[in-house]
């Protein structure tokens, strides 16, 4: 179990590994985060949304090195973990937008300010 700064409970973590992702992630939509170990727990290094493809499909692309060039360059993917939050498309976009504009993870390399939604308090 992983809790974000707003108190939401995310499913996972599991390893950033093809077999674990294929076996444990849902075939549903939502938002997901890749986590790296740090001295005080885990740090979010990437956040993405699964609104056209499922969370499982998106993560399988990332672990195969597709969809984000920064994630494709991970030195040792086994050190990283994955968490996900099942939700509708609008909520997923709001959560991702809030995270990348207030505390942008290092592997979110594309500027994503055009659709910023400032409040996610209702979610």
N, C-alpha and C. Protein backbone atom coordinates (compact mmCIF):
# COMPACT_ATOMS: atom_id res chain seq x y z
N UNK A 1 0.84 -1.17 0.00
CA UNK A 1 0.00 0.00 0.00
C UNK A 1 0.88 1.24 0.00
N UNK A 2 0.47 2.25 -0.74
CA UNK A 2 1.21 3.50 -0.85
C UNK A 2 0.21 4.64 -0.70
N UNK A 3 0.53 5.61 0.12
CA UNK A 3 -0.32 6.79 0.29
C UNK A 3 0.39 7.99 -0.31
N UNK A 4 -0.38 8.78 -1.07
CA UNK A 4 0.21 10.00 -1.63
C UNK A 4 0.04 11.16 -0.66
N UNK A 5 0.49 12.33 -1.06
CA UNK A 5 0.45 13.51 -0.19
C UNK A 5 -0.97 13.95 0.16
N UNK A 6 -1.96 13.54 -0.62
CA UNK A 6 -3.34 13.93 -0.36
C UNK A 6 -4.13 12.82 0.34
N UNK A 7 -3.44 11.77 0.77
CA UNK A 7 -4.07 10.72 1.54
C UNK A 7 -4.74 9.62 0.74
N UNK A 8 -4.63 9.66 -0.58
CA UNK A 8 -5.20 8.57 -1.39
C UNK A 8 -4.37 7.31 -1.20
N UNK A 9 -5.03 6.17 -1.16
CA UNK A 9 -4.35 4.89 -1.05
C UNK A 9 -4.22 4.29 -2.45
N UNK A 10 -2.99 4.01 -2.85
CA UNK A 10 -2.69 3.44 -4.16
C UNK A 10 -2.45 1.95 -3.98
N UNK A 11 -2.81 1.18 -4.98
CA UNK A 11 -2.55 -0.26 -4.96
C UNK A 11 -1.09 -0.52 -5.31
N UNK A 12 -0.54 -1.58 -4.76
CA UNK A 12 0.87 -1.90 -4.96
C UNK A 12 1.60 -1.59 -3.66
N UNK A 13 2.88 -1.46 -3.66
CA UNK A 13 3.76 -1.52 -4.83
C UNK A 13 4.12 -2.95 -5.21
N UNK A 14 4.45 -3.06 -6.48
CA UNK A 14 5.04 -4.28 -7.02
C UNK A 14 6.32 -3.87 -7.73
N UNK A 15 7.13 -4.83 -8.10
CA UNK A 15 8.36 -4.53 -8.81
C UNK A 15 8.11 -4.05 -10.23
N UNK A 16 9.01 -3.22 -10.73
CA UNK A 16 8.95 -2.75 -12.11
C UNK A 16 9.54 -3.85 -12.98
N UNK A 17 8.76 -4.90 -13.13
CA UNK A 17 9.20 -6.14 -13.76
C UNK A 17 8.07 -6.66 -14.64
N UNK A 18 8.40 -7.12 -15.82
CA UNK A 18 7.39 -7.59 -16.79
C UNK A 18 6.46 -8.65 -16.20
N UNK A 19 7.01 -9.64 -15.54
CA UNK A 19 6.17 -10.72 -15.00
C UNK A 19 5.23 -10.23 -13.90
N UNK A 20 5.75 -9.41 -13.00
CA UNK A 20 4.90 -8.89 -11.92
C UNK A 20 3.81 -7.99 -12.47
N UNK A 21 4.16 -7.14 -13.41
CA UNK A 21 3.18 -6.24 -14.00
C UNK A 21 2.09 -7.04 -14.71
N UNK A 22 2.49 -8.04 -15.50
CA UNK A 22 1.52 -8.85 -16.23
C UNK A 22 0.59 -9.62 -15.29
N UNK A 23 1.11 -10.04 -14.16
CA UNK A 23 0.31 -10.86 -13.24
C UNK A 23 -0.52 -10.05 -12.26
N UNK A 24 -0.07 -8.84 -11.89
CA UNK A 24 -0.70 -8.16 -10.76
C UNK A 24 -1.39 -6.84 -11.06
N UNK A 25 -1.10 -6.22 -12.18
CA UNK A 25 -1.75 -4.93 -12.44
C UNK A 25 -3.10 -5.14 -13.11
N UNK A 26 -4.01 -4.19 -12.92
CA UNK A 26 -5.37 -4.37 -13.43
C UNK A 26 -5.51 -4.04 -14.91
N UNK A 27 -6.51 -4.66 -15.50
CA UNK A 27 -6.90 -4.33 -16.87
C UNK A 27 -7.99 -3.28 -16.78
N UNK A 28 -7.65 -2.16 -16.16
CA UNK A 28 -8.60 -1.05 -16.00
C UNK A 28 -7.84 0.26 -16.18
N UNK A 29 -8.57 1.35 -16.14
CA UNK A 29 -7.99 2.67 -16.37
C UNK A 29 -7.66 3.36 -15.05
N UNK A 30 -6.83 4.37 -15.15
CA UNK A 30 -6.47 5.14 -13.97
C UNK A 30 -5.14 5.85 -14.14
N UNK A 31 -4.43 5.99 -13.04
CA UNK A 31 -3.15 6.67 -13.02
C UNK A 31 -2.16 5.75 -12.31
N UNK A 32 -0.89 5.83 -12.69
CA UNK A 32 0.13 4.96 -12.09
C UNK A 32 1.39 5.77 -11.85
N UNK A 33 2.20 5.30 -10.93
CA UNK A 33 3.46 5.97 -10.62
C UNK A 33 4.58 4.93 -10.51
N UNK A 34 5.75 5.32 -10.98
CA UNK A 34 6.96 4.52 -10.80
C UNK A 34 7.71 5.14 -9.63
N UNK A 35 8.12 4.29 -8.70
CA UNK A 35 8.77 4.74 -7.47
C UNK A 35 10.20 4.25 -7.41
N UNK A 36 11.07 5.09 -6.87
CA UNK A 36 12.46 4.71 -6.64
C UNK A 36 12.72 4.71 -5.14
N UNK A 37 13.59 3.81 -4.68
CA UNK A 37 13.91 3.81 -3.25
C UNK A 37 14.72 5.05 -2.89
N UNK A 38 14.47 5.55 -1.69
CA UNK A 38 15.28 6.64 -1.15
C UNK A 38 15.42 6.41 0.35
N UNK A 39 16.19 7.21 1.01
CA UNK A 39 16.48 6.97 2.42
C UNK A 39 15.25 7.01 3.32
N UNK A 40 14.23 7.75 2.96
CA UNK A 40 13.04 7.87 3.80
C UNK A 40 11.81 7.23 3.17
N UNK A 41 11.97 6.15 2.44
CA UNK A 41 10.84 5.49 1.81
C UNK A 41 11.02 5.40 0.31
N UNK A 42 10.04 5.91 -0.43
CA UNK A 42 10.10 5.86 -1.89
C UNK A 42 9.76 7.21 -2.48
N UNK A 43 10.42 7.53 -3.58
CA UNK A 43 10.21 8.79 -4.29
C UNK A 43 9.52 8.51 -5.60
N UNK A 44 8.53 9.32 -5.95
CA UNK A 44 7.88 9.20 -7.24
C UNK A 44 8.82 9.74 -8.31
N UNK A 45 9.15 8.90 -9.30
CA UNK A 45 10.04 9.34 -10.37
C UNK A 45 9.30 9.48 -11.70
N UNK A 46 8.08 8.94 -11.78
CA UNK A 46 7.28 9.08 -13.00
C UNK A 46 5.82 8.88 -12.65
N UNK A 47 4.97 9.69 -13.27
CA UNK A 47 3.52 9.50 -13.15
C UNK A 47 2.95 9.48 -14.56
N UNK A 48 2.03 8.58 -14.79
CA UNK A 48 1.40 8.47 -16.10
C UNK A 48 -0.07 8.13 -15.96
N UNK A 49 -0.80 8.33 -17.03
CA UNK A 49 -2.22 8.01 -17.01
C UNK A 49 -2.50 6.89 -18.01
N UNK A 50 -3.49 6.11 -17.67
CA UNK A 50 -3.95 5.03 -18.54
C UNK A 50 -5.42 5.31 -18.82
N UNK A 51 -5.67 6.02 -19.91
CA UNK A 51 -7.04 6.38 -20.23
C UNK A 51 -7.49 5.81 -21.57
N UNK A 52 -6.57 5.48 -22.46
CA UNK A 52 -6.90 4.85 -23.73
C UNK A 52 -6.48 3.39 -23.74
N UNK A 53 -5.41 3.12 -23.03
CA UNK A 53 -4.92 1.76 -22.81
C UNK A 53 -5.04 1.51 -21.31
N UNK A 54 -5.08 0.26 -20.90
CA UNK A 54 -5.21 -0.05 -19.48
C UNK A 54 -3.90 0.21 -18.74
N UNK A 55 -3.99 0.21 -17.42
CA UNK A 55 -2.80 0.38 -16.59
C UNK A 55 -1.79 -0.70 -16.93
N UNK A 56 -2.25 -1.94 -17.06
CA UNK A 56 -1.35 -3.05 -17.41
C UNK A 56 -0.67 -2.81 -18.76
N UNK A 57 -1.45 -2.42 -19.77
CA UNK A 57 -0.88 -2.20 -21.10
C UNK A 57 0.17 -1.09 -21.08
N UNK A 58 -0.12 0.01 -20.41
CA UNK A 58 0.84 1.13 -20.35
C UNK A 58 2.13 0.72 -19.63
N UNK A 59 1.99 0.02 -18.51
CA UNK A 59 3.19 -0.37 -17.76
C UNK A 59 4.02 -1.41 -18.50
N UNK A 60 3.37 -2.30 -19.22
CA UNK A 60 4.12 -3.27 -20.02
C UNK A 60 4.91 -2.57 -21.12
N UNK A 61 4.36 -1.52 -21.69
CA UNK A 61 5.12 -0.73 -22.68
C UNK A 61 6.33 -0.08 -22.03
N UNK A 62 6.12 0.51 -20.85
CA UNK A 62 7.23 1.19 -20.17
C UNK A 62 8.34 0.22 -19.78
N UNK A 63 7.98 -0.93 -19.25
CA UNK A 63 9.01 -1.89 -18.83
C UNK A 63 9.76 -2.46 -20.04
N UNK A 64 9.14 -2.40 -21.21
CA UNK A 64 9.80 -2.83 -22.45
C UNK A 64 10.63 -1.70 -23.07
N UNK A 65 10.62 -0.52 -22.43
CA UNK A 65 11.42 0.60 -22.93
C UNK A 65 10.72 1.47 -23.95
N UNK A 66 9.39 1.40 -24.02
CA UNK A 66 8.65 2.21 -24.97
C UNK A 66 7.74 3.19 -24.23
N UNK A 67 7.48 4.33 -24.85
CA UNK A 67 6.52 5.28 -24.29
C UNK A 67 7.13 6.40 -23.47
N UNK A 68 8.36 6.25 -23.01
CA UNK A 68 9.04 7.31 -22.25
C UNK A 68 10.53 7.02 -22.29
N UNK A 69 11.29 7.89 -22.96
CA UNK A 69 12.71 7.60 -23.15
C UNK A 69 13.48 7.61 -21.82
N UNK A 70 13.05 8.40 -20.85
CA UNK A 70 13.76 8.43 -19.56
C UNK A 70 13.58 7.12 -18.80
N UNK A 71 12.36 6.57 -18.80
CA UNK A 71 12.15 5.28 -18.15
C UNK A 71 12.91 4.17 -18.85
N UNK A 72 13.06 4.28 -20.17
CA UNK A 72 13.77 3.26 -20.94
C UNK A 72 15.25 3.20 -20.57
N UNK A 73 15.77 4.24 -19.92
CA UNK A 73 17.18 4.29 -19.57
C UNK A 73 17.48 3.88 -18.13
N UNK A 74 16.51 3.31 -17.44
CA UNK A 74 16.74 2.89 -16.06
C UNK A 74 17.91 1.92 -16.02
N UNK A 75 18.84 2.17 -15.13
CA UNK A 75 19.99 1.29 -15.02
C UNK A 75 19.65 -0.09 -14.49
N UNK A 76 18.86 -0.15 -13.43
CA UNK A 76 18.48 -1.42 -12.83
C UNK A 76 16.99 -1.36 -12.49
N UNK A 77 16.12 -1.73 -13.45
CA UNK A 77 14.68 -1.61 -13.22
C UNK A 77 14.17 -2.37 -12.00
N UNK A 78 14.89 -3.39 -11.56
CA UNK A 78 14.42 -4.17 -10.41
C UNK A 78 14.42 -3.37 -9.12
N UNK A 79 15.13 -2.27 -9.08
CA UNK A 79 15.15 -1.41 -7.89
C UNK A 79 13.87 -0.57 -7.78
N UNK A 80 13.13 -0.45 -8.85
CA UNK A 80 11.98 0.44 -8.90
C UNK A 80 10.69 -0.32 -8.63
N UNK A 81 9.69 0.40 -8.17
CA UNK A 81 8.39 -0.19 -7.90
C UNK A 81 7.30 0.56 -8.66
N UNK A 82 6.11 0.00 -8.67
CA UNK A 82 4.98 0.59 -9.36
C UNK A 82 3.76 0.56 -8.45
N UNK A 83 3.01 1.67 -8.44
CA UNK A 83 1.73 1.73 -7.74
C UNK A 83 0.70 2.28 -8.72
N UNK A 84 -0.57 2.01 -8.46
CA UNK A 84 -1.62 2.51 -9.35
C UNK A 84 -2.87 2.85 -8.56
N UNK A 85 -3.65 3.75 -9.16
CA UNK A 85 -4.90 4.22 -8.57
C UNK A 85 -5.96 4.12 -9.66
N UNK A 86 -6.93 3.25 -9.46
CA UNK A 86 -8.00 3.07 -10.44
C UNK A 86 -8.98 4.23 -10.34
N UNK A 87 -9.29 4.83 -11.50
CA UNK A 87 -10.22 5.95 -11.52
C UNK A 87 -10.65 6.22 -12.96
N UNK A 88 -11.58 7.14 -13.10
CA UNK A 88 -12.04 7.52 -14.43
C UNK A 88 -11.00 8.42 -15.10
N UNK A 89 -11.20 8.68 -16.38
CA UNK A 89 -10.23 9.44 -17.18
C UNK A 89 -10.02 10.86 -16.66
N UNK A 90 -11.08 11.55 -16.30
CA UNK A 90 -10.95 12.92 -15.82
C UNK A 90 -10.16 12.98 -14.52
N UNK A 91 -10.45 12.09 -13.60
CA UNK A 91 -9.72 12.06 -12.34
C UNK A 91 -8.25 11.75 -12.58
N UNK A 92 -7.96 10.80 -13.47
CA UNK A 92 -6.57 10.46 -13.79
C UNK A 92 -5.83 11.67 -14.34
N UNK A 93 -6.46 12.41 -15.25
CA UNK A 93 -5.83 13.60 -15.82
C UNK A 93 -5.61 14.67 -14.76
N UNK A 94 -6.57 14.82 -13.85
CA UNK A 94 -6.43 15.82 -12.79
C UNK A 94 -5.28 15.47 -11.85
N UNK A 95 -5.20 14.22 -11.45
CA UNK A 95 -4.12 13.80 -10.55
C UNK A 95 -2.76 13.98 -11.22
N UNK A 96 -2.64 13.52 -12.46
CA UNK A 96 -1.35 13.67 -13.16
C UNK A 96 -1.00 15.14 -13.35
N UNK A 97 -1.95 15.94 -13.75
CA UNK A 97 -1.71 17.36 -13.96
C UNK A 97 -1.25 18.04 -12.68
N UNK A 98 -1.88 17.72 -11.58
CA UNK A 98 -1.51 18.30 -10.30
C UNK A 98 -0.08 17.92 -9.93
N UNK A 99 0.27 16.65 -10.08
CA UNK A 99 1.60 16.19 -9.71
C UNK A 99 2.68 16.81 -10.59
N UNK A 100 2.49 16.82 -11.92
CA UNK A 100 3.56 17.32 -12.79
C UNK A 100 3.72 18.83 -12.71
N UNK A 101 2.73 19.54 -12.23
CA UNK A 101 2.88 21.00 -12.12
C UNK A 101 3.29 21.45 -10.73
N UNK A 102 3.04 20.66 -9.71
CA UNK A 102 3.43 21.07 -8.35
C UNK A 102 4.72 20.43 -7.88
N UNK A 103 5.01 19.21 -8.32
CA UNK A 103 6.23 18.51 -7.90
C UNK A 103 6.60 17.52 -9.00
N UNK A 104 7.05 18.05 -10.12
CA UNK A 104 7.28 17.24 -11.32
C UNK A 104 8.31 16.14 -11.07
N UNK A 105 7.92 14.88 -11.28
CA UNK A 105 8.88 13.77 -11.14
C UNK A 105 9.98 13.87 -12.21
N UNK A 106 11.17 13.41 -11.90
CA UNK A 106 12.30 13.59 -12.83
C UNK A 106 12.17 12.88 -14.17
N UNK A 107 11.41 11.78 -14.26
CA UNK A 107 11.28 11.08 -15.53
C UNK A 107 10.09 11.55 -16.36
N UNK A 108 9.32 12.49 -15.87
CA UNK A 108 8.29 13.14 -16.68
C UNK A 108 9.00 14.27 -17.42
N UNK A 109 9.44 13.97 -18.63
CA UNK A 109 10.32 14.87 -19.35
C UNK A 109 9.59 15.82 -20.30
N UNK A 110 8.37 15.54 -20.62
CA UNK A 110 7.61 16.38 -21.56
C UNK A 110 6.91 17.50 -20.78
N UNK A 111 6.95 18.74 -21.29
CA UNK A 111 6.18 19.80 -20.63
C UNK A 111 4.68 19.49 -20.75
N UNK A 112 3.96 19.56 -19.64
CA UNK A 112 2.55 19.18 -19.65
C UNK A 112 1.70 20.21 -18.91
N UNK A 113 1.85 21.48 -19.28
CA UNK A 113 1.14 22.52 -18.55
C UNK A 113 -0.16 22.96 -19.20
N UNK A 114 -0.41 22.59 -20.41
CA UNK A 114 -1.56 23.11 -21.15
C UNK A 114 -2.90 22.75 -20.53
N UNK A 115 -3.01 21.61 -19.90
CA UNK A 115 -4.30 21.18 -19.38
C UNK A 115 -4.31 21.14 -17.85
N UNK A 116 -3.53 22.01 -17.24
CA UNK A 116 -3.44 22.02 -15.78
C UNK A 116 -4.80 22.28 -15.15
N UNK A 117 -5.17 21.44 -14.22
CA UNK A 117 -6.41 21.58 -13.47
C UNK A 117 -6.00 21.80 -12.02
N UNK A 118 -6.16 22.98 -11.48
CA UNK A 118 -5.54 23.33 -10.19
C UNK A 118 -6.07 22.61 -8.96
N UNK A 119 -7.28 22.13 -8.97
CA UNK A 119 -7.81 21.54 -7.74
C UNK A 119 -8.25 20.11 -7.96
N UNK A 120 -7.79 19.23 -7.08
CA UNK A 120 -8.26 17.85 -7.11
C UNK A 120 -8.91 17.52 -5.79
N UNK A 121 -9.36 18.54 -5.08
CA UNK A 121 -9.91 18.36 -3.75
C UNK A 121 -11.14 17.47 -3.73
N UNK A 122 -11.90 17.42 -4.81
CA UNK A 122 -13.12 16.63 -4.81
C UNK A 122 -12.85 15.15 -5.03
N UNK A 123 -11.62 14.78 -5.33
CA UNK A 123 -11.30 13.38 -5.61
C UNK A 123 -10.66 12.76 -4.42
